[in-house]
Amino acid sequence: MAQMANIVDLLTEQIANPDTQWSLGTFGGIAEFSRDRDEPVTLTTSDSSVSAVTARGGIAIKLRDDLRPFASESITRKDWSHRVALCLPQDTCAMNRRTVLTELSHDAAALREDDRDDVLFDLGLDALQADLCVRIRDADVIARLRSCLNRPVFEPDNPAMSIILAANPHRVFISRAGRVEVYQPIPAPTGKSPEGPHTHVLPKLLRSRRTHPATEPVPDGWIPCAHLYPAHPAKDARGMAQTFDVTRHDAFQHLLDRHGHAEAVAAKKRTVAAIANDVSPDSQHTAQDRVARANVRIAIRQLMAAQHPSRSLPAWRAMFDPVEATGEDDDDTLQIGH
């Protein structure tokens, strides 16, 4: 009961925070939700779910007894990223695994009442933990897509994707943990994704059948079915560098203490304590485990960003995280900016 109460508190707090970003999907197919601080939003919290809906998109997360949050940080090319994975057990997370374009039904679970008579089509991308769908209102588009049913959407002579791209339908990505809906137009193939809610569907990555990036430390037996990304202490919502925000940093460290990997948290704390006490890095046993090594580097980068006054910090950086180091970088193909 205490654990469920903690999860409810976490989701309720984060859904109300406009600086928190969200995603739902799989590796290679992801829907992202974010909102501006001054953007009108409808927030709903109940015993069964939390949701946020704007004119550009929406998200709803279900409160399930088997939902578990796992907080983690990863090394990136320049600094670090962080997130909380909302996971379900591997044996309960699976969605429908359709492999061909499939007409479903009217979307009775749509986040906005006006969308509930529109028709859902599953793209048939065979993701384990998410059904990647589009929602169509226009009768002519529905009729044209019906002529493409029961075929893979990326089949060379299948016009389905051309029809979808031209129609700019809502994208609706659904998992056992909830759904994200995107109402903004699909950008041109050579265009940049819009700010705010949008989707990425990358066939090459989908073919890997990975459920999440290999560098994200999700415990064995658990599958991330959605993510939340609290405000980053060193970057703004668009991923641009900003003055280090201690309050944001402390808030995520609290999440790590409560929902993070115990060994990773311990490795970071040992590093921070040693640097704060001006202990020479030469006296430390070099971490051999990849997770531990990464967290030593993350601790160093965070202390550098915070302009920690330790005299030993430059030596730690030189030994464990030199500027030219490129190993263990996060695969950030689908990152949201945190």
Protein backbone atom coordinates (compact mmCIF):
# COMPACT_ATOMS: atom_id res chain seq x y z
CA MET A 1 0.00 0.00 0.00
CA ALA A 2 2.84 2.41 0.84
CA GLN A 3 4.54 1.68 -2.49
CA MET A 4 1.32 2.36 -4.42
CA ALA A 5 0.82 5.58 -2.49
CA ASN A 6 4.33 6.67 -3.49
CA ILE A 7 3.56 5.95 -7.16
CA VAL A 8 0.29 7.89 -6.98
CA ASP A 9 2.12 10.84 -5.41
CA LEU A 10 4.83 10.68 -8.08
CA LEU A 11 2.43 10.64 -11.02
CA THR A 12 0.12 13.26 -9.53
CA GLU A 13 3.02 15.63 -8.89
CA GLN A 14 4.60 15.12 -12.30
CA ILE A 15 1.42 15.38 -14.38
CA ALA A 16 0.77 18.78 -12.79
CA ASN A 17 4.28 20.03 -13.57
CA PRO A 18 4.52 21.70 -17.00
CA ASP A 19 8.28 21.19 -17.01
CA THR A 20 7.93 17.40 -17.00
CA GLN A 21 7.99 15.69 -20.39
CA TRP A 22 6.57 12.26 -21.20
CA SER A 23 6.85 9.50 -23.76
CA LEU A 24 5.16 6.22 -24.58
CA GLY A 25 6.04 3.56 -27.12
CA THR A 26 9.00 1.36 -27.90
CA PHE A 27 12.51 1.60 -29.32
CA GLY A 28 11.97 3.04 -32.79
CA GLY A 29 8.35 4.09 -32.29
CA ILE A 30 7.64 6.70 -29.68
CA ALA A 31 5.05 9.38 -28.94
CA GLU A 32 6.17 12.37 -26.89
CA PHE A 33 4.05 14.75 -24.83
CA SER A 34 5.05 18.09 -23.37
CA ARG A 35 3.36 21.42 -22.73
CA ASP A 36 4.34 25.03 -22.23
CA ARG A 37 4.02 26.65 -18.83
CA ASP A 38 1.35 29.09 -20.05
CA GLU A 39 -0.46 26.60 -22.30
CA PRO A 40 -4.10 25.84 -21.44
CA VAL A 41 -4.40 22.30 -20.14
CA THR A 42 -7.06 20.01 -18.72
CA LEU A 43 -5.59 18.02 -15.83
CA THR A 44 -7.41 15.04 -14.38
CA THR A 45 -6.39 12.87 -11.45
CA SER A 46 -8.42 10.00 -10.03
CA ASP A 47 -8.00 6.67 -8.28
CA SER A 48 -7.42 4.98 -11.66
CA SER A 49 -5.38 7.42 -13.77
CA VAL A 50 -3.77 10.81 -14.25
CA SER A 51 -3.99 12.77 -17.49
CA ALA A 52 -3.12 16.05 -19.17
CA VAL A 53 -4.69 17.26 -22.43
CA THR A 54 -3.89 20.35 -24.48
CA ALA A 55 -4.87 21.50 -27.96
CA ARG A 56 -1.67 19.84 -29.26
CA GLY A 57 -1.92 16.42 -27.60
CA GLY A 58 -2.54 14.50 -24.43
CA ILE A 59 -1.34 11.76 -22.11
CA ALA A 60 -3.06 9.43 -19.66
CA ILE A 61 -1.25 7.05 -17.30
CA LYS A 62 -3.12 4.24 -15.56
CA LEU A 63 -2.59 3.57 -11.87
CA ARG A 64 -2.00 -0.19 -11.80
CA ASP A 65 -0.97 -2.38 -8.90
CA ASP A 66 1.88 -3.85 -10.97
CA LEU A 67 3.22 -0.51 -12.29
CA ARG A 68 6.73 0.23 -11.04
CA PRO A 69 8.80 3.38 -11.56
CA PHE A 70 12.56 3.00 -12.13
CA ALA A 71 14.61 6.20 -12.07
CA SER A 72 17.96 6.32 -13.83
CA GLU A 73 20.61 8.56 -15.35
CA SER A 74 22.79 7.92 -18.40
CA ILE A 75 25.94 9.38 -19.89
CA THR A 76 25.37 11.32 -23.12
CA ARG A 77 27.87 12.81 -25.53
CA LYS A 78 28.08 16.12 -23.68
CA ASP A 79 26.51 15.70 -20.25
CA TRP A 80 23.89 13.28 -18.91
CA SER A 81 20.22 12.44 -19.28
CA HIS A 82 17.65 11.28 -16.77
CA ARG A 83 14.23 9.70 -16.76
CA VAL A 84 11.76 7.59 -14.78
CA ALA A 85 10.66 4.48 -16.63
CA LEU A 86 7.11 3.37 -15.83
CA CYS A 87 7.46 -0.39 -16.10
CA LEU A 88 5.24 -3.45 -16.10
CA PRO A 89 6.29 -7.07 -15.63
CA GLN A 90 7.39 -8.68 -18.87
CA ASP A 91 4.60 -11.25 -18.65
CA THR A 92 1.82 -8.63 -18.37
CA CYS A 93 3.07 -5.81 -20.60
CA ALA A 94 2.39 -7.26 -24.05
CA MET A 95 -0.02 -5.53 -26.39
CA ASN A 96 -1.58 -7.03 -29.53
CA ARG A 97 1.59 -7.48 -31.66
CA ARG A 98 -0.29 -6.97 -34.95
CA THR A 99 1.90 -7.17 -38.05
CA VAL A 100 -0.44 -5.68 -40.68
CA LEU A 101 -2.59 -2.57 -40.97
CA THR A 102 -5.73 -3.36 -38.98
CA GLU A 103 -8.96 -1.43 -38.50
CA LEU A 104 -9.98 -1.52 -34.87
CA SER A 105 -13.09 0.42 -33.83
CA HIS A 106 -14.30 3.81 -32.79
CA ASP A 107 -11.88 5.12 -30.15
CA ALA A 108 -14.12 4.99 -27.11
CA ALA A 109 -11.11 5.64 -24.84
CA ALA A 110 -10.06 8.87 -26.60
CA LEU A 111 -8.95 11.55 -24.18
CA ARG A 112 -11.33 14.10 -25.69
CA GLU A 113 -15.02 13.31 -26.08
CA ASP A 114 -15.13 14.81 -29.59
CA ASP A 115 -12.65 12.20 -30.84
CA ARG A 116 -14.52 9.11 -29.63
CA ASP A 117 -16.44 8.51 -32.85
CA ASP A 118 -13.25 8.54 -34.92
CA VAL A 119 -11.79 5.24 -36.16
CA LEU A 120 -8.54 3.72 -34.91
CA PHE A 121 -6.19 1.88 -37.27
CA ASP A 122 -3.31 -0.13 -35.82
CA LEU A 123 -0.24 0.35 -38.04
CA GLY A 124 0.76 -3.25 -37.38
CA LEU A 125 4.35 -2.57 -36.31
CA ASP A 126 4.57 -5.57 -33.95
CA ALA A 127 5.94 -3.74 -30.92
CA LEU A 128 5.89 -5.75 -27.70
CA GLN A 129 4.64 -3.13 -25.26
CA ALA A 130 2.73 -0.65 -27.46
CA ASP A 131 0.14 -0.54 -30.22
CA LEU A 132 1.08 2.30 -32.59
CA CYS A 133 -2.12 3.63 -34.11
CA VAL A 134 -3.61 6.48 -36.11
CA ARG A 135 -7.09 7.88 -35.60
CA ILE A 136 -9.13 8.96 -38.63
CA ARG A 137 -12.23 11.13 -38.86
CA ASP A 138 -12.48 11.75 -42.61
CA ALA A 139 -14.74 9.15 -44.29
CA ASP A 140 -12.80 9.27 -47.57
CA VAL A 141 -9.49 8.59 -45.82
CA ILE A 142 -11.09 5.75 -43.86
CA ALA A 143 -12.33 4.19 -47.11
CA ARG A 144 -8.92 4.49 -48.77
CA LEU A 145 -7.16 2.92 -45.80
CA ARG A 146 -9.64 0.04 -45.78
CA SER A 147 -8.32 -0.90 -49.22
CA CYS A 148 -4.88 -1.34 -47.62
CA LEU A 149 -5.90 -3.53 -44.69
CA ASN A 150 -4.15 -6.79 -43.84
CA ARG A 151 -0.86 -5.71 -45.44
CA PRO A 152 2.36 -4.44 -43.82
CA VAL A 153 2.33 -0.65 -44.01
CA PHE A 154 5.95 -0.52 -45.20
CA GLU A 155 5.39 -3.03 -48.01
CA PRO A 156 6.93 -1.41 -51.12
CA ASP A 157 3.71 -1.13 -53.14
CA ASN A 158 1.41 -0.36 -50.18
CA PRO A 159 0.03 3.23 -50.40
CA ALA A 160 -1.08 3.21 -46.75
CA MET A 161 1.73 5.39 -45.40
CA SER A 162 1.32 7.92 -48.21
CA ILE A 163 -2.39 8.16 -47.39
CA ILE A 164 -1.64 8.59 -43.69
CA LEU A 165 1.05 11.22 -44.21
CA ALA A 166 -1.19 13.24 -46.49
CA ALA A 167 -4.15 13.02 -44.09
CA ASN A 168 -2.20 14.13 -40.98
CA PRO A 169 -4.35 12.08 -38.60
CA HIS A 170 -4.04 11.96 -34.84
CA ARG A 171 -1.39 9.50 -33.70
CA VAL A 172 -2.45 7.36 -30.75
CA PHE A 173 0.16 5.18 -29.07
CA ILE A 174 -1.28 2.81 -26.47
CA SER A 175 0.30 0.59 -23.82
CA ARG A 176 -0.99 -1.28 -20.80
CA ALA A 177 0.21 1.73 -18.79
CA GLY A 178 -1.80 4.33 -20.72
CA ARG A 179 -1.73 6.30 -23.95
CA VAL A 180 -0.30 9.37 -25.67
CA GLU A 181 -2.28 11.21 -28.36
CA VAL A 182 -0.68 13.68 -30.77
CA TYR A 183 -2.87 16.17 -32.62
CA GLN A 184 -0.17 18.24 -34.31
CA PRO A 185 0.58 17.65 -38.02
CA ILE A 186 3.16 15.12 -39.10
CA PRO A 187 6.25 16.99 -40.33
CA ALA A 188 7.59 16.44 -43.83
CA PRO A 189 10.23 13.69 -44.13
CA THR A 190 12.95 16.34 -44.30
CA GLY A 191 11.30 18.58 -41.72
CA LYS A 192 12.00 19.02 -38.02
CA SER A 193 9.58 17.62 -35.45
CA PRO A 194 7.44 20.39 -33.93
CA GLU A 195 7.88 21.59 -30.39
CA GLY A 196 5.46 19.88 -28.05
CA PRO A 197 3.67 16.58 -28.72
CA HIS A 198 4.99 14.59 -31.69
CA THR A 199 5.90 11.08 -32.76
CA HIS A 200 8.88 9.22 -34.21
CA VAL A 201 8.46 6.01 -36.23
CA LEU A 202 11.82 4.67 -37.39
CA PRO A 203 11.52 1.28 -39.18
CA LYS A 204 15.22 0.42 -38.89
CA LEU A 205 15.14 0.74 -35.10
CA LEU A 206 11.81 -1.07 -34.86
CA ARG A 207 13.35 -4.05 -36.64
CA SER A 208 15.82 -4.44 -33.77
CA ARG A 209 12.92 -5.60 -31.57
CA ARG A 210 14.47 -3.87 -28.60
CA THR A 211 12.04 -2.51 -26.03
CA HIS A 212 14.33 0.33 -24.91
CA PRO A 213 17.88 1.63 -25.45
CA ALA A 214 20.55 -0.80 -24.30
CA THR A 215 22.06 1.90 -22.09
CA GLU A 216 18.88 2.37 -20.04
CA PRO A 217 19.29 0.29 -16.86
CA VAL A 218 15.87 -1.34 -16.54
CA PRO A 219 15.82 -4.33 -14.16
CA ASP A 220 15.49 -7.80 -15.67
CA GLY A 221 11.91 -8.94 -16.05
CA TRP A 222 10.51 -5.43 -16.40
CA ILE A 223 9.55 -3.53 -19.57
CA PRO A 224 9.24 0.27 -19.81
CA CYS A 225 5.73 1.07 -21.05
CA ALA A 226 5.98 4.85 -20.62
CA HIS A 227 8.52 7.39 -19.37
CA LEU A 228 8.48 10.69 -17.56
CA TYR A 229 11.34 13.17 -17.76
CA PRO A 230 11.46 15.68 -14.90
CA ALA A 231 13.03 19.06 -15.58
CA HIS A 232 16.78 18.75 -16.14
CA PRO A 233 19.07 20.85 -13.93
CA ALA A 234 21.46 21.83 -16.74
CA LYS A 235 19.14 22.05 -19.78
CA ASP A 236 15.88 23.77 -20.65
CA ALA A 237 12.83 22.11 -22.19
CA ARG A 238 14.41 22.30 -25.67
CA GLY A 239 17.64 20.70 -24.54
CA MET A 240 19.65 23.93 -24.55
CA ALA A 241 22.27 24.51 -21.85
CA GLN A 242 21.22 26.66 -18.92
CA THR A 243 22.60 27.73 -15.56
CA PHE A 244 22.68 24.74 -13.21
CA ASP A 245 19.49 24.53 -11.15
CA VAL A 246 20.20 23.02 -7.74
CA THR A 247 16.52 22.59 -6.91
CA ARG A 248 15.91 20.51 -10.04
CA HIS A 249 19.05 18.47 -9.36
CA ASP A 250 18.09 17.73 -5.76
CA ALA A 251 14.56 16.78 -6.82
CA PHE A 252 15.80 14.13 -9.23
CA GLN A 253 18.37 12.81 -6.76
CA HIS A 254 15.46 12.28 -4.37
CA LEU A 255 13.69 10.26 -7.09
CA LEU A 256 16.85 8.22 -7.58
CA ASP A 257 17.04 7.48 -3.86
CA ARG A 258 13.46 6.26 -3.87
CA HIS A 259 13.16 4.59 -7.29
CA GLY A 260 16.71 4.12 -8.59
CA HIS A 261 19.16 1.24 -8.85
CA ALA A 262 20.69 0.91 -5.36
CA GLU A 263 24.21 0.10 -6.59
CA ALA A 264 24.22 2.99 -9.06
CA VAL A 265 23.04 5.40 -6.39
CA ALA A 266 25.69 4.13 -3.97
CA ALA A 267 28.46 4.50 -6.58
CA LYS A 268 27.47 8.11 -7.19
CA LYS A 269 27.27 8.94 -3.51
CA ARG A 270 30.72 7.47 -2.85
CA THR A 271 32.15 9.55 -5.68
CA VAL A 272 30.45 12.76 -4.56
CA ALA A 273 31.63 12.25 -0.97
CA ALA A 274 35.21 11.55 -2.03
CA ILE A 275 35.36 14.64 -4.25
CA ALA A 276 33.71 16.84 -1.60
CA ASN A 277 36.40 15.71 0.86
CA ASP A 278 39.18 16.38 -1.69
CA VAL A 279 40.20 12.74 -1.78
CA SER A 280 42.66 12.06 -4.59
CA PRO A 281 41.26 9.86 -7.39
CA ASP A 282 44.55 7.90 -7.34
CA SER A 283 43.53 6.42 -4.00
CA GLN A 284 40.23 5.08 -5.33
CA HIS A 285 39.61 1.62 -6.70
CA THR A 286 38.64 2.01 -10.37
CA ALA A 287 35.07 0.85 -10.88
CA GLN A 288 34.95 -2.19 -13.18
CA ASP A 289 31.20 -2.54 -13.58
CA ARG A 290 29.79 -0.53 -16.50
CA VAL A 291 26.92 0.88 -14.44
CA ALA A 292 29.30 1.94 -11.65
CA ARG A 293 31.74 3.52 -14.13
CA ALA A 294 28.95 5.46 -15.79
CA ASN A 295 27.70 6.77 -12.46
CA VAL A 296 31.15 7.92 -11.41
CA ARG A 297 31.29 9.93 -14.66
CA ILE A 298 27.78 11.29 -14.13
CA ALA A 299 28.69 12.43 -10.61
CA ILE A 300 31.76 14.22 -11.96
CA ARG A 301 29.77 15.94 -14.71
CA GLN A 302 27.08 17.06 -12.27
CA LEU A 303 29.65 18.49 -9.88
CA MET A 304 31.35 20.28 -12.78
CA ALA A 305 28.01 21.72 -13.91
CA ALA A 306 27.30 22.86 -10.34
CA GLN A 307 30.78 24.48 -10.17
CA HIS A 308 31.67 22.52 -7.05
CA PRO A 309 34.67 24.09 -5.31
CA SER A 310 36.55 20.84 -4.67
CA ARG A 311 40.25 21.15 -5.52
CA SER A 312 40.36 17.47 -6.51
CA LEU A 313 37.49 17.65 -9.04
CA PRO A 314 39.70 18.45 -12.08
CA ALA A 315 41.89 15.44 -11.27
CA TRP A 316 38.84 13.18 -11.00
CA ARG A 317 37.62 14.42 -14.34
CA ALA A 318 41.02 13.89 -15.94
CA MET A 319 41.18 10.32 -14.66
CA PHE A 320 37.60 9.10 -15.11
CA ASP A 321 35.92 11.44 -17.58
CA PRO A 322 38.44 13.27 -19.80
CA VAL A 323 37.00 15.74 -22.30
CA GLU A 324 37.95 13.52 -25.23
CA ALA A 325 36.20 10.45 -23.77
CA THR A 326 33.51 9.06 -26.05
CA GLY A 327 32.92 5.56 -24.71
CA GLU A 328 29.61 4.44 -23.19
CA ASP A 329 27.69 7.35 -24.74
CA ASP A 330 23.96 7.00 -24.58
CA ASP A 331 22.14 6.05 -27.77
CA ASP A 332 20.05 9.22 -27.81
CA THR A 333 18.31 8.67 -31.15
CA LEU A 334 14.95 8.88 -29.46
CA GLN A 335 15.78 11.14 -26.55
CA ILE A 336 13.49 13.99 -25.65
CA GLY A 337 16.08 16.51 -24.65
CA HIS A 338 16.69 15.33 -21.10
